[in-house]
């Protein structure tokens, strides 16, 4: 495979560290790890998810592949982006604390805003008359898009709003079901879809005109979407799942609701959209918090420190 060839070229070039990801669903990764260790490289895994939550049996299969993979090709260290993932690795996987490092999620605006495109979005969605609620990212069952649609149907008709659901549907979901749900609920005038990959300038320009980002996740560990929204001063309405519960300060810089609860989601949306000045204040608070505590420079420094630490441990374990 291309991954096997590219990792081989890196090892031929004398790389000190090989970092992989998604080993719970990429069968070749353990063999790359084994080859890297034989060549004297330190092996690091970037862990977003410990198992595949989207597919039937994915959690159980992920555990089997994880254990089998570590038997074939062990890992020297794990980089994670939340305490929740760290806890799973220490508990369920039995990994030593010294081999797991939580690093801050680097945050900056996702791209430069295209002012002409932003103006086009403002015209297209009639945003001088109503606010935009933006939900974006890969579309999969765990994202709770059906819950968001149900919630929109429960927001009173007097509340002016338009919801844009944007992103590429994965193979684990049938987008036609979401379109039919909107049609059945009679909210086509409120809900728009853009079911494709959006480029970074499009995302930045939509965030520039959005009043609120909705993340109605049913399960999650962390969310880059949340950080992208906050970096542009857009507050987030999110479910209380994973690291989202830590990344959103309820009522201060966003709102949190129970996962899978369309009534709670609809109530929070109604309250937020009724007070645009509060939304603006929350968005500024979210941006200020990120600027104080998060940057790609901090992330790079933390990852570099982890690499050096595990490299020294690897050298000691393989030395004379």
C-alpha atoms as a PDB file:
ATOM      1  CA  UNK A   1       0.000   0.000   0.000  1.00  0.00           C
ATOM      2  CA  UNK A   2       0.979   3.641  -0.321  1.00  0.00           C
ATOM      3  CA  UNK A   3       1.265   3.948   3.463  1.00  0.00           C
ATOM      4  CA  UNK A   4       3.724   1.036   3.602  1.00  0.00           C
ATOM      5  CA  UNK A   5       5.838   2.543   0.827  1.00  0.00           C
ATOM      6  CA  UNK A   6       5.873   6.073   2.221  1.00  0.00           C
ATOM      7  CA  UNK A   7       6.797   4.892   5.709  1.00  0.00           C
ATOM      8  CA  UNK A   8       9.579   2.806   4.184  1.00  0.00           C
ATOM      9  CA  UNK A   9      10.989   5.848   2.422  1.00  0.00           C
ATOM     10  CA  UNK A  10      10.910   7.790   5.691  1.00  0.00           C
ATOM     11  CA  UNK A  11      12.780   5.012   7.483  1.00  0.00           C
ATOM     12  CA  UNK A  12      15.326   4.806   4.656  1.00  0.00           C
ATOM     13  CA  UNK A  13      15.912   8.505   5.193  1.00  0.00           C
ATOM     14  CA  UNK A  14      16.868   7.906   8.818  1.00  0.00           C
ATOM     15  CA  UNK A  15      13.795   9.279  10.609  1.00  0.00           C
ATOM     16  CA  UNK A  16      13.875   9.035  14.405  1.00  0.00           C
ATOM     17  CA  UNK A  17      10.127   8.947  15.070  1.00  0.00           C
ATOM     18  CA  UNK A  18       7.261   7.345  13.165  1.00  0.00           C
ATOM     19  CA  UNK A  19       3.794   8.598  14.092  1.00  0.00           C
ATOM     20  CA  UNK A  20       0.691   6.725  12.968  1.00  0.00           C
ATOM     21  CA  UNK A  21      -3.022   7.116  13.595  1.00  0.00           C
ATOM     22  CA  UNK A  22      -6.316   5.199  13.303  1.00  0.00           C
ATOM     23  CA  UNK A  23      -4.624   1.873  14.038  1.00  0.00           C
ATOM     24  CA  UNK A  24      -7.932   0.466  15.277  1.00  0.00           C
ATOM     25  CA  UNK A  25      -9.160   0.431  11.655  1.00  0.00           C
ATOM     26  CA  UNK A  26      -5.928   0.448   9.594  1.00  0.00           C
ATOM     27  CA  UNK A  27      -4.695  -3.180   9.593  1.00  0.00           C
ATOM     28  CA  UNK A  28      -1.278  -2.417   8.125  1.00  0.00           C
ATOM     29  CA  UNK A  29      -0.237  -0.050  10.938  1.00  0.00           C
ATOM     30  CA  UNK A  30       1.061  -2.769  13.320  1.00  0.00           C
ATOM     31  CA  UNK A  31       3.388  -4.070  10.608  1.00  0.00           C
ATOM     32  CA  UNK A  32       4.676  -0.559   9.950  1.00  0.00           C
ATOM     33  CA  UNK A  33       5.304  -0.208  13.686  1.00  0.00           C
ATOM     34  CA  UNK A  34       7.177  -3.522  13.816  1.00  0.00           C
ATOM     35  CA  UNK A  35       9.393  -2.530  10.870  1.00  0.00           C
ATOM     36  CA  UNK A  36      10.042   0.909  12.368  1.00  0.00           C
ATOM     37  CA  UNK A  37      11.127  -0.565  15.702  1.00  0.00           C
ATOM     38  CA  UNK A  38      13.461  -3.040  13.965  1.00  0.00           C
ATOM     39  CA  UNK A  39      15.048  -0.054  12.225  1.00  0.00           C
ATOM     40  CA  UNK A  40      15.561   1.762  15.534  1.00  0.00           C
ATOM     41  CA  UNK A  41      12.791   4.342  15.202  1.00  0.00           C
ATOM     42  CA  UNK A  42      10.533   5.392  18.070  1.00  0.00           C
ATOM     43  CA  UNK A  43       6.876   4.631  17.309  1.00  0.00           C
ATOM     44  CA  UNK A  44       4.110   7.032  18.368  1.00  0.00           C
ATOM     45  CA  UNK A  45       0.360   6.717  17.902  1.00  0.00           C
ATOM     46  CA  UNK A  46      -1.901   9.775  17.620  1.00  0.00           C
ATOM     47  CA  UNK A  47      -5.193   8.564  19.108  1.00  0.00           C
ATOM     48  CA  UNK A  48      -8.396  10.370  18.190  1.00  0.00           C
ATOM     49  CA  UNK A  49     -10.633   7.374  18.844  1.00  0.00           C
ATOM     50  CA  UNK A  50      -9.806   4.126  20.622  1.00  0.00           C
ATOM     51  CA  UNK A  51     -12.426   2.217  18.607  1.00  0.00           C
ATOM     52  CA  UNK A  52     -14.748   2.709  15.649  1.00  0.00           C
ATOM     53  CA  UNK A  53     -18.011   3.935  17.183  1.00  0.00           C
ATOM     54  CA  UNK A  54     -19.868   4.164  13.890  1.00  0.00           C
ATOM     55  CA  UNK A  55     -19.967   0.546  12.726  1.00  0.00           C
ATOM     56  CA  UNK A  56     -21.830  -2.341  14.274  1.00  0.00           C
ATOM     57  CA  UNK A  57     -19.370  -4.248  16.445  1.00  0.00           C
ATOM     58  CA  UNK A  58     -16.765  -1.547  15.944  1.00  0.00           C
ATOM     59  CA  UNK A  59     -15.952  -1.151  19.642  1.00  0.00           C
ATOM     60  CA  UNK A  60     -15.356  -4.884  20.196  1.00  0.00           C
ATOM     61  CA  UNK A  61     -13.424  -5.193  16.940  1.00  0.00           C
ATOM     62  CA  UNK A  62     -11.335  -2.167  17.864  1.00  0.00           C
ATOM     63  CA  UNK A  63     -10.268  -3.804  21.129  1.00  0.00           C
ATOM     64  CA  UNK A  64      -9.210  -6.990  19.321  1.00  0.00           C
ATOM     65  CA  UNK A  65      -7.274  -5.125  16.634  1.00  0.00           C
ATOM     66  CA  UNK A  66      -5.642  -2.913  19.268  1.00  0.00           C
ATOM     67  CA  UNK A  67      -4.334  -5.873  21.295  1.00  0.00           C
ATOM     68  CA  UNK A  68      -3.308  -7.865  18.219  1.00  0.00           C
ATOM     69  CA  UNK A  69      -1.627  -4.812  16.753  1.00  0.00           C
ATOM     70  CA  UNK A  70       0.394  -4.115  19.865  1.00  0.00           C
ATOM     71  CA  UNK A  71       1.524  -7.754  19.935  1.00  0.00           C
ATOM     72  CA  UNK A  72       2.753  -7.532  16.339  1.00  0.00           C
ATOM     73  CA  UNK A  73       4.212  -4.024  16.569  1.00  0.00           C
ATOM     74  CA  UNK A  74       4.267  -2.271  19.975  1.00  0.00           C
ATOM     75  CA  UNK A  75       4.001   1.486  20.422  1.00  0.00           C
ATOM     76  CA  UNK A  76       6.394   3.608  22.487  1.00  0.00           C
ATOM     77  CA  UNK A  77       3.972   6.422  23.234  1.00  0.00           C
ATOM     78  CA  UNK A  78       0.478   7.760  22.618  1.00  0.00           C
ATOM     79  CA  UNK A  79      -0.496  11.373  21.896  1.00  0.00           C
ATOM     80  CA  UNK A  80      -4.103  12.175  22.814  1.00  0.00           C
ATOM     81  CA  UNK A  81      -6.126  15.385  22.718  1.00  0.00           C
ATOM     82  CA  UNK A  82      -8.373  14.870  25.745  1.00  0.00           C
ATOM     83  CA  UNK A  83      -8.312  13.471  29.257  1.00  0.00           C
ATOM     84  CA  UNK A  84     -11.199  11.181  28.303  1.00  0.00           C
ATOM     85  CA  UNK A  85      -9.141   9.315  25.716  1.00  0.00           C
ATOM     86  CA  UNK A  86      -6.233   9.152  28.156  1.00  0.00           C
ATOM     87  CA  UNK A  87      -8.493   7.559  30.778  1.00  0.00           C
ATOM     88  CA  UNK A  88      -9.630   4.905  28.289  1.00  0.00           C
ATOM     89  CA  UNK A  89      -6.052   4.053  27.365  1.00  0.00           C
ATOM     90  CA  UNK A  90      -4.965   3.795  30.995  1.00  0.00           C
ATOM     91  CA  UNK A  91      -8.026   1.855  32.091  1.00  0.00           C
ATOM     92  CA  UNK A  92      -9.424  -0.328  29.331  1.00  0.00           C
ATOM     93  CA  UNK A  93      -6.150  -0.762  27.449  1.00  0.00           C
ATOM     94  CA  UNK A  94      -3.906  -0.957  30.533  1.00  0.00           C
ATOM     95  CA  UNK A  95      -1.232   1.356  29.159  1.00  0.00           C
ATOM     96  CA  UNK A  96       1.309   2.880  31.560  1.00  0.00           C
ATOM     97  CA  UNK A  97       0.742   6.597  32.335  1.00  0.00           C
ATOM     98  CA  UNK A  98       4.269   7.493  31.180  1.00  0.00           C
ATOM     99  CA  UNK A  99       3.377   6.339  27.667  1.00  0.00           C
ATOM    100  CA  UNK A 100       0.337   8.617  27.258  1.00  0.00           C
ATOM    101  CA  UNK A 101       0.617  12.369  26.800  1.00  0.00           C
ATOM    102  CA  UNK A 102      -2.320  14.789  26.590  1.00  0.00           C
ATOM    103  CA  UNK A 103      -1.465  17.731  24.346  1.00  0.00           C
ATOM    104  CA  UNK A 104      -3.513  20.921  23.901  1.00  0.00           C
ATOM    105  CA  UNK A 105      -5.595  21.166  20.772  1.00  0.00           C
ATOM    106  CA  UNK A 106      -3.914  23.786  18.582  1.00  0.00           C
ATOM    107  CA  UNK A 107      -6.331  26.540  17.675  1.00  0.00           C
ATOM    108  CA  UNK A 108      -6.333  29.293  15.085  1.00  0.00           C
ATOM    109  CA  UNK A 109      -8.844  30.441  12.456  1.00  0.00           C
ATOM    110  CA  UNK A 110      -9.182  27.587   9.984  1.00  0.00           C
ATOM    111  CA  UNK A 111      -8.482  29.867   6.996  1.00  0.00           C
ATOM    112  CA  UNK A 112      -8.732  33.459   5.876  1.00  0.00           C
ATOM    113  CA  UNK A 113     -12.286  34.651   5.313  1.00  0.00           C
ATOM    114  CA  UNK A 114     -13.233  35.272   1.693  1.00  0.00           C
ATOM    115  CA  UNK A 115     -15.229  38.498   2.090  1.00  0.00           C
ATOM    116  CA  UNK A 116     -16.960  38.129  -1.260  1.00  0.00           C
ATOM    117  CA  UNK A 117     -17.991  34.574  -0.459  1.00  0.00           C
ATOM    118  CA  UNK A 118     -19.197  35.618   3.002  1.00  0.00           C
ATOM    119  CA  UNK A 119     -21.313  38.342   1.403  1.00  0.00           C
ATOM    120  CA  UNK A 120     -22.738  35.762  -1.015  1.00  0.00           C
ATOM    121  CA  UNK A 121     -23.680  33.498   1.897  1.00  0.00           C
ATOM    122  CA  UNK A 122     -25.356  36.425   3.631  1.00  0.00           C
ATOM    123  CA  UNK A 123     -27.500  37.024   0.531  1.00  0.00           C
ATOM    124  CA  UNK A 124     -28.147  33.340  -0.169  1.00  0.00           C
ATOM    125  CA  UNK A 125     -29.435  32.562   3.319  1.00  0.00           C
ATOM    126  CA  UNK A 126     -31.136  35.956   3.836  1.00  0.00           C
ATOM    127  CA  UNK A 127     -29.045  36.621   6.942  1.00  0.00           C
ATOM    128  CA  UNK A 128     -30.021  40.274   7.237  1.00  0.00           C
ATOM    129  CA  UNK A 129     -33.421  38.932   8.316  1.00  0.00           C
ATOM    130  CA  UNK A 130     -32.564  35.753  10.211  1.00  0.00           C
ATOM    131  CA  UNK A 131     -29.537  34.168  11.975  1.00  0.00           C
ATOM    132  CA  UNK A 132     -27.572  31.210  10.629  1.00  0.00           C
ATOM    133  CA  UNK A 133     -27.074  28.088  12.731  1.00  0.00           C
ATOM    134  CA  UNK A 134     -24.165  26.164  11.217  1.00  0.00           C
ATOM    135  CA  UNK A 135     -23.530  22.428  11.679  1.00  0.00           C
ATOM    136  CA  UNK A 136     -20.504  21.147   9.770  1.00  0.00           C
ATOM    137  CA  UNK A 137     -18.093  18.244   9.590  1.00  0.00           C
ATOM    138  CA  UNK A 138     -18.293  14.670   8.384  1.00  0.00           C
ATOM    139  CA  UNK A 139     -21.867  13.406   8.618  1.00  0.00           C
ATOM    140  CA  UNK A 140     -22.151  10.131  10.497  1.00  0.00           C
ATOM    141  CA  UNK A 141     -24.611   8.554  12.988  1.00  0.00           C
ATOM    142  CA  UNK A 142     -22.742   9.728  16.107  1.00  0.00           C
ATOM    143  CA  UNK A 143     -23.102  13.382  15.038  1.00  0.00           C
ATOM    144  CA  UNK A 144     -26.811  13.391  15.952  1.00  0.00           C
ATOM    145  CA  UNK A 145     -27.973  15.239  12.815  1.00  0.00           C
ATOM    146  CA  UNK A 146     -31.402  13.618  13.077  1.00  0.00           C
ATOM    147  CA  UNK A 147     -31.686  14.987  16.618  1.00  0.00           C
ATOM    148  CA  UNK A 148     -30.848  18.484  15.370  1.00  0.00           C
ATOM    149  CA  UNK A 149     -33.504  18.235  12.655  1.00  0.00           C
ATOM    150  CA  UNK A 150     -36.095  17.147  15.203  1.00  0.00           C
ATOM    151  CA  UNK A 151     -35.053  20.031  17.457  1.00  0.00           C
ATOM    152  CA  UNK A 152     -35.444  22.578  14.657  1.00  0.00           C
ATOM    153  CA  UNK A 153     -39.010  21.361  14.150  1.00  0.00           C
ATOM    154  CA  UNK A 154     -39.687  22.114  17.832  1.00  0.00           C
ATOM    155  CA  UNK A 155     -38.383  25.683  17.755  1.00  0.00           C
ATOM    156  CA  UNK A 156     -41.417  28.040  17.651  1.00  0.00           C
ATOM    157  CA  UNK A 157     -42.326  29.397  14.232  1.00  0.00           C
ATOM    158  CA  UNK A 158     -41.915  32.931  15.550  1.00  0.00           C
ATOM    159  CA  UNK A 159     -38.157  32.378  15.868  1.00  0.00           C
ATOM    160  CA  UNK A 160     -36.459  33.388  12.634  1.00  0.00           C
ATOM    161  CA  UNK A 161     -33.589  31.070  11.749  1.00  0.00           C
ATOM    162  CA  UNK A 162     -31.940  29.001   9.042  1.00  0.00           C
ATOM    163  CA  UNK A 163     -29.857  25.890   9.701  1.00  0.00           C
ATOM    164  CA  UNK A 164     -27.104  24.787   7.333  1.00  0.00           C
ATOM    165  CA  UNK A 165     -25.959  21.168   7.646  1.00  0.00           C
ATOM    166  CA  UNK A 166     -22.753  20.814   5.665  1.00  0.00           C
ATOM    167  CA  UNK A 167     -20.247  18.019   5.200  1.00  0.00           C
ATOM    168  CA  UNK A 168     -19.551  14.758   3.442  1.00  0.00           C
ATOM    169  CA  UNK A 169     -21.747  11.809   4.507  1.00  0.00           C
ATOM    170  CA  UNK A 170     -19.787   8.702   5.475  1.00  0.00           C
ATOM    171  CA  UNK A 171     -20.713   5.201   4.341  1.00  0.00           C
ATOM    172  CA  UNK A 172     -22.335   4.554   7.729  1.00  0.00           C
ATOM    173  CA  UNK A 173     -25.267   6.912   7.130  1.00  0.00           C
ATOM    174  CA  UNK A 174     -27.959   7.327   4.480  1.00  0.00           C
ATOM    175  CA  UNK A 175     -28.288  11.062   3.728  1.00  0.00           C
ATOM    176  CA  UNK A 176     -31.622  10.474   2.012  1.00  0.00           C
ATOM    177  CA  UNK A 177     -33.097   9.632   5.423  1.00  0.00           C
ATOM    178  CA  UNK A 178     -32.155  13.103   6.694  1.00  0.00           C
ATOM    179  CA  UNK A 179     -33.643  14.800   3.628  1.00  0.00           C
ATOM    180  CA  UNK A 180     -36.873  12.850   4.062  1.00  0.00           C
ATOM    181  CA  UNK A 181     -36.980  13.705   7.768  1.00  0.00           C
ATOM    182  CA  UNK A 182     -36.812  17.425   6.964  1.00  0.00           C
ATOM    183  CA  UNK A 183     -39.533  17.044   4.343  1.00  0.00           C
ATOM    184  CA  UNK A 184     -41.746  15.005   6.678  1.00  0.00           C
ATOM    185  CA  UNK A 185     -41.443  17.592   9.461  1.00  0.00           C
ATOM    186  CA  UNK A 186     -42.266  20.432   7.079  1.00  0.00           C
ATOM    187  CA  UNK A 187     -39.138  22.469   7.837  1.00  0.00           C
ATOM    188  CA  UNK A 188     -37.546  22.689   4.394  1.00  0.00           C
ATOM    189  CA  UNK A 189     -37.741  26.490   4.669  1.00  0.00           C
ATOM    190  CA  UNK A 190     -35.535  26.313   7.759  1.00  0.00           C
ATOM    191  CA  UNK A 191     -33.009  23.581   6.964  1.00  0.00           C
ATOM    192  CA  UNK A 192     -30.505  23.561   4.113  1.00  0.00           C
ATOM    193  CA  UNK A 193     -27.994  20.863   3.189  1.00  0.00           C
ATOM    194  CA  UNK A 194     -24.614  21.037   1.472  1.00  0.00           C
ATOM    195  CA  UNK A 195     -23.535  17.386   1.406  1.00  0.00           C
ATOM    196  CA  UNK A 196     -19.924  17.570   0.244  1.00  0.00           C
ATOM    197  CA  UNK A 197     -16.468  18.391   1.468  1.00  0.00           C
ATOM    198  CA  UNK A 198     -16.197  22.134   2.021  1.00  0.00           C
ATOM    199  CA  UNK A 199     -12.829  23.736   1.436  1.00  0.00           C
ATOM    200  CA  UNK A 200     -11.255  25.694   4.284  1.00  0.00           C
ATOM    201  CA  UNK A 201     -12.113  29.114   2.848  1.00  0.00           C
ATOM    202  CA  UNK A 202     -15.769  28.086   2.589  1.00  0.00           C
ATOM    203  CA  UNK A 203     -15.828  26.953   6.222  1.00  0.00           C
ATOM    204  CA  UNK A 204     -14.118  30.154   7.407  1.00  0.00           C
ATOM    205  CA  UNK A 205     -16.512  32.318   5.392  1.00  0.00           C
ATOM    206  CA  UNK A 206     -19.576  30.483   6.712  1.00  0.00           C
ATOM    207  CA  UNK A 207     -18.298  30.841  10.271  1.00  0.00           C
ATOM    208  CA  UNK A 208     -17.862  34.549   9.586  1.00  0.00           C
ATOM    209  CA  UNK A 209     -21.612  34.936   9.011  1.00  0.00           C
ATOM    210  CA  UNK A 210     -22.885  32.278  11.449  1.00  0.00           C
ATOM    211  CA  UNK A 211     -24.561  33.256  14.715  1.00  0.00           C
ATOM    212  CA  UNK A 212     -24.213  29.822  16.303  1.00  0.00           C
ATOM    213  CA  UNK A 213     -22.588  26.442  15.644  1.00  0.00           C
ATOM    214  CA  UNK A 214     -24.589  23.353  16.643  1.00  0.00           C
ATOM    215  CA  UNK A 215     -22.837  20.119  17.663  1.00  0.00           C
ATOM    216  CA  UNK A 216     -25.645  17.742  18.694  1.00  0.00           C
ATOM    217  CA  UNK A 217     -23.286  14.767  19.056  1.00  0.00           C
ATOM    218  CA  UNK A 218     -24.529  11.493  20.515  1.00  0.00           C
ATOM    219  CA  UNK A 219     -20.973  10.464  21.386  1.00  0.00           C
ATOM    220  CA  UNK A 220     -17.527  11.987  20.916  1.00  0.00           C
ATOM    221  CA  UNK A 221     -14.097  12.278  22.447  1.00  0.00           C
ATOM    222  CA  UNK A 222     -13.224  15.788  21.265  1.00  0.00           C
ATOM    223  CA  UNK A 223     -14.158  18.116  18.423  1.00  0.00           C
ATOM    224  CA  UNK A 224     -11.969  20.143  16.084  1.00  0.00           C
ATOM    225  CA  UNK A 225     -15.160  21.777  14.812  1.00  0.00           C
ATOM    226  CA  UNK A 226     -15.731  23.355  18.210  1.00  0.00           C
ATOM    227  CA  UNK A 227     -12.243  24.858  18.237  1.00  0.00           C
ATOM    228  CA  UNK A 228     -12.582  26.194  14.685  1.00  0.00           C
ATOM    229  CA  UNK A 229     -15.854  27.909  15.620  1.00  0.00           C
ATOM    230  CA  UNK A 230     -14.515  29.424  18.826  1.00  0.00           C
ATOM    231  CA  UNK A 231     -11.349  30.636  17.087  1.00  0.00           C
ATOM    232  CA  UNK A 232     -13.584  32.841  14.924  1.00  0.00           C
ATOM    233  CA  UNK A 233     -15.678  34.008  17.858  1.00  0.00           C
ATOM    234  CA  UNK A 234     -18.725  31.822  17.172  1.00  0.00           C
ATOM    235  CA  UNK A 235     -20.362  30.236  20.234  1.00  0.00           C
ATOM    236  CA  UNK A 236     -21.240  26.548  20.227  1.00  0.00           C
ATOM    237  CA  UNK A 237     -24.367  24.705  21.329  1.00  0.00           C
ATOM    238  CA  UNK A 238     -23.121  21.202  22.088  1.00  0.00           C
ATOM    239  CA  UNK A 239     -24.012  17.929  23.734  1.00  0.00           C
ATOM    240  CA  UNK A 240     -22.496  16.961  27.075  1.00  0.00           C
ATOM    241  CA  UNK A 241     -20.217  14.271  25.670  1.00  0.00           C
ATOM    242  CA  UNK A 242     -16.482  13.655  25.859  1.00  0.00           C
ATOM    243  CA  UNK A 243     -14.199  16.662  26.013  1.00  0.00           C
ATOM    244  CA  UNK A 244     -16.969  18.950  24.726  1.00  0.00           C
ATOM    245  CA  UNK A 245     -18.210  19.168  28.293  1.00  0.00           C
ATOM    246  CA  UNK A 246     -14.839  20.624  29.299  1.00  0.00           C
ATOM    247  CA  UNK A 247     -14.358  22.816  26.231  1.00  0.00           C
ATOM    248  CA  UNK A 248     -17.694  24.636  26.549  1.00  0.00           C
ATOM    249  CA  UNK A 249     -18.414  26.623  29.696  1.00  0.00           C
ATOM    250  CA  UNK A 250     -22.200  26.438  29.883  1.00  0.00           C
ATOM    251  CA  UNK A 251     -23.874  29.882  29.649  1.00  0.00           C
ATOM    252  CA  UNK A 252     -20.430  31.577  29.667  1.00  0.00           C
ATOM    253  CA  UNK A 253     -19.130  30.875  26.145  1.00  0.00           C
ATOM    254  CA  UNK A 254     -21.732  28.427  24.817  1.00  0.00           C
ATOM    255  CA  UNK A 255     -24.464  26.038  25.892  1.00  0.00           C
ATOM    256  CA  UNK A 256     -24.503  22.358  26.800  1.00  0.00           C
ATOM    257  CA  UNK A 257     -27.480  20.008  26.557  1.00  0.00           C
ATOM    258  CA  UNK A 258     -27.939  16.270  27.154  1.00  0.00           C
ATOM    259  CA  UNK A 259     -27.131  14.120  24.087  1.00  0.00           C
ATOM    260  CA  UNK A 260     -30.076  12.787  22.108  1.00  0.00           C
ATOM    261  CA  UNK A 261     -32.571  15.258  23.631  1.00  0.00           C
ATOM    262  CA  UNK A 262     -34.262  17.299  20.863  1.00  0.00           C
ATOM    263  CA  UNK A 263     -36.481  19.163  23.347  1.00  0.00           C
ATOM    264  CA  UNK A 264     -33.506  20.437  25.348  1.00  0.00           C
ATOM    265  CA  UNK A 265     -31.680  21.301  22.124  1.00  0.00           C
ATOM    266  CA  UNK A 266     -34.705  23.202  20.790  1.00  0.00           C
ATOM    267  CA  UNK A 267     -35.139  25.131  24.047  1.00  0.00           C
ATOM    268  CA  UNK A 268     -31.477  26.150  24.166  1.00  0.00           C
ATOM    269  CA  UNK A 269     -31.553  27.177  20.499  1.00  0.00           C
ATOM    270  CA  UNK A 270     -34.691  29.237  21.044  1.00  0.00           C
ATOM    271  CA  UNK A 271     -33.219  31.027  24.059  1.00  0.00           C
ATOM    272  CA  UNK A 272     -29.904  31.764  22.344  1.00  0.00           C
ATOM    273  CA  UNK A 273     -31.398  33.053  19.092  1.00  0.00           C
ATOM    274  CA  UNK A 274     -33.729  35.347  21.045  1.00  0.00           C
ATOM    275  CA  UNK A 275     -30.709  37.175  22.501  1.00  0.00           C
ATOM    276  CA  UNK A 276     -28.197  38.011  19.743  1.00  0.00           C
ATOM    277  CA  UNK A 277     -26.223  40.236  22.109  1.00  0.00           C
ATOM    278  CA  UNK A 278     -25.704  37.248  24.415  1.00  0.00           C
ATOM    279  CA  UNK A 279     -24.520  35.149  21.461  1.00  0.00           C
ATOM    280  CA  UNK A 280     -21.971  37.805  20.538  1.00  0.00           C
ATOM    281  CA  UNK A 281     -20.747  37.985  24.135  1.00  0.00           C
ATOM    282  CA  UNK A 282     -20.414  34.194  24.354  1.00  0.00           C
ATOM    283  CA  UNK A 283     -18.495  34.080  21.095  1.00  0.00           C
ATOM    284  CA  UNK A 284     -16.032  36.708  22.288  1.00  0.00           C
ATOM    285  CA  UNK A 285     -15.580  34.881  25.601  1.00  0.00           C
ATOM    286  CA  UNK A 286     -14.843  31.645  23.738  1.00  0.00           C
ATOM    287  CA  UNK A 287     -12.274  33.336  21.505  1.00  0.00           C
ATOM    288  CA  UNK A 288     -10.602  35.076  24.464  1.00  0.00           C
ATOM    289  CA  UNK A 289     -10.325  31.788  26.345  1.00  0.00           C
ATOM    290  CA  UNK A 290      -8.679  30.042  23.389  1.00  0.00           C
ATOM    291  CA  UNK A 291      -6.201  32.857  22.835  1.00  0.00           C
ATOM    292  CA  UNK A 292      -5.113  32.559  26.471  1.00  0.00           C
ATOM    293  CA  UNK A 293      -4.843  28.795  26.660  1.00  0.00           C
ATOM    294  CA  UNK A 294      -4.397  27.272  23.212  1.00  0.00           C
ATOM    295  CA  UNK A 295      -2.208  27.696  20.149  1.00  0.00           C
ATOM    296  CA  UNK A 296      -0.412  25.556  17.597  1.00  0.00           C
ATOM    297  CA  UNK A 297       2.884  26.708  19.096  1.00  0.00           C
ATOM    298  CA  UNK A 298       1.879  25.171  22.456  1.00  0.00           C
ATOM    299  CA  UNK A 299       0.737  21.998  20.696  1.00  0.00           C
ATOM    300  CA  UNK A 300       3.984  21.703  18.733  1.00  0.00           C
ATOM    301  CA  UNK A 301       6.065  22.209  21.884  1.00  0.00           C
ATOM    302  CA  UNK A 302       4.087  19.562  23.787  1.00  0.00           C
ATOM    303  CA  UNK A 303       4.361  17.014  20.957  1.00  0.00           C
ATOM    304  CA  UNK A 304       8.076  17.692  20.547  1.00  0.00           C
ATOM    305  CA  UNK A 305       8.634  17.202  24.284  1.00  0.00           C
ATOM    306  CA  UNK A 306       6.728  13.893  24.163  1.00  0.00           C
ATOM    307  CA  UNK A 307       8.775  12.704  21.175  1.00  0.00           C
ATOM    308  CA  UNK A 308      12.063  13.445  22.956  1.00  0.00           C
ATOM    309  CA  UNK A 309      10.896  11.749  26.160  1.00  0.00           C
ATOM    310  CA  UNK A 310       9.814   8.559  24.392  1.00  0.00           C
ATOM    311  CA  UNK A 311      12.903   8.623  22.197  1.00  0.00           C
ATOM    312  CA  UNK A 312      15.122   8.593  25.286  1.00  0.00           C
ATOM    313  CA  UNK A 313      13.088   5.752  26.813  1.00  0.00           C
ATOM    314  CA  UNK A 314      13.295   3.794  23.543  1.00  0.00           C
ATOM    315  CA  UNK A 315      17.064   4.279  23.392  1.00  0.00           C
ATOM    316  CA  UNK A 316      17.449   2.994  26.946  1.00  0.00           C
ATOM    317  CA  UNK A 317      15.251  -0.055  26.320  1.00  0.00           C
ATOM    318  CA  UNK A 318      17.184  -1.070  23.205  1.00  0.00           C
ATOM    319  CA  UNK A 319      20.667  -0.068  24.360  1.00  0.00           C
ATOM    320  CA  UNK A 320      23.402  -2.377  25.676  1.00  0.00           C
END
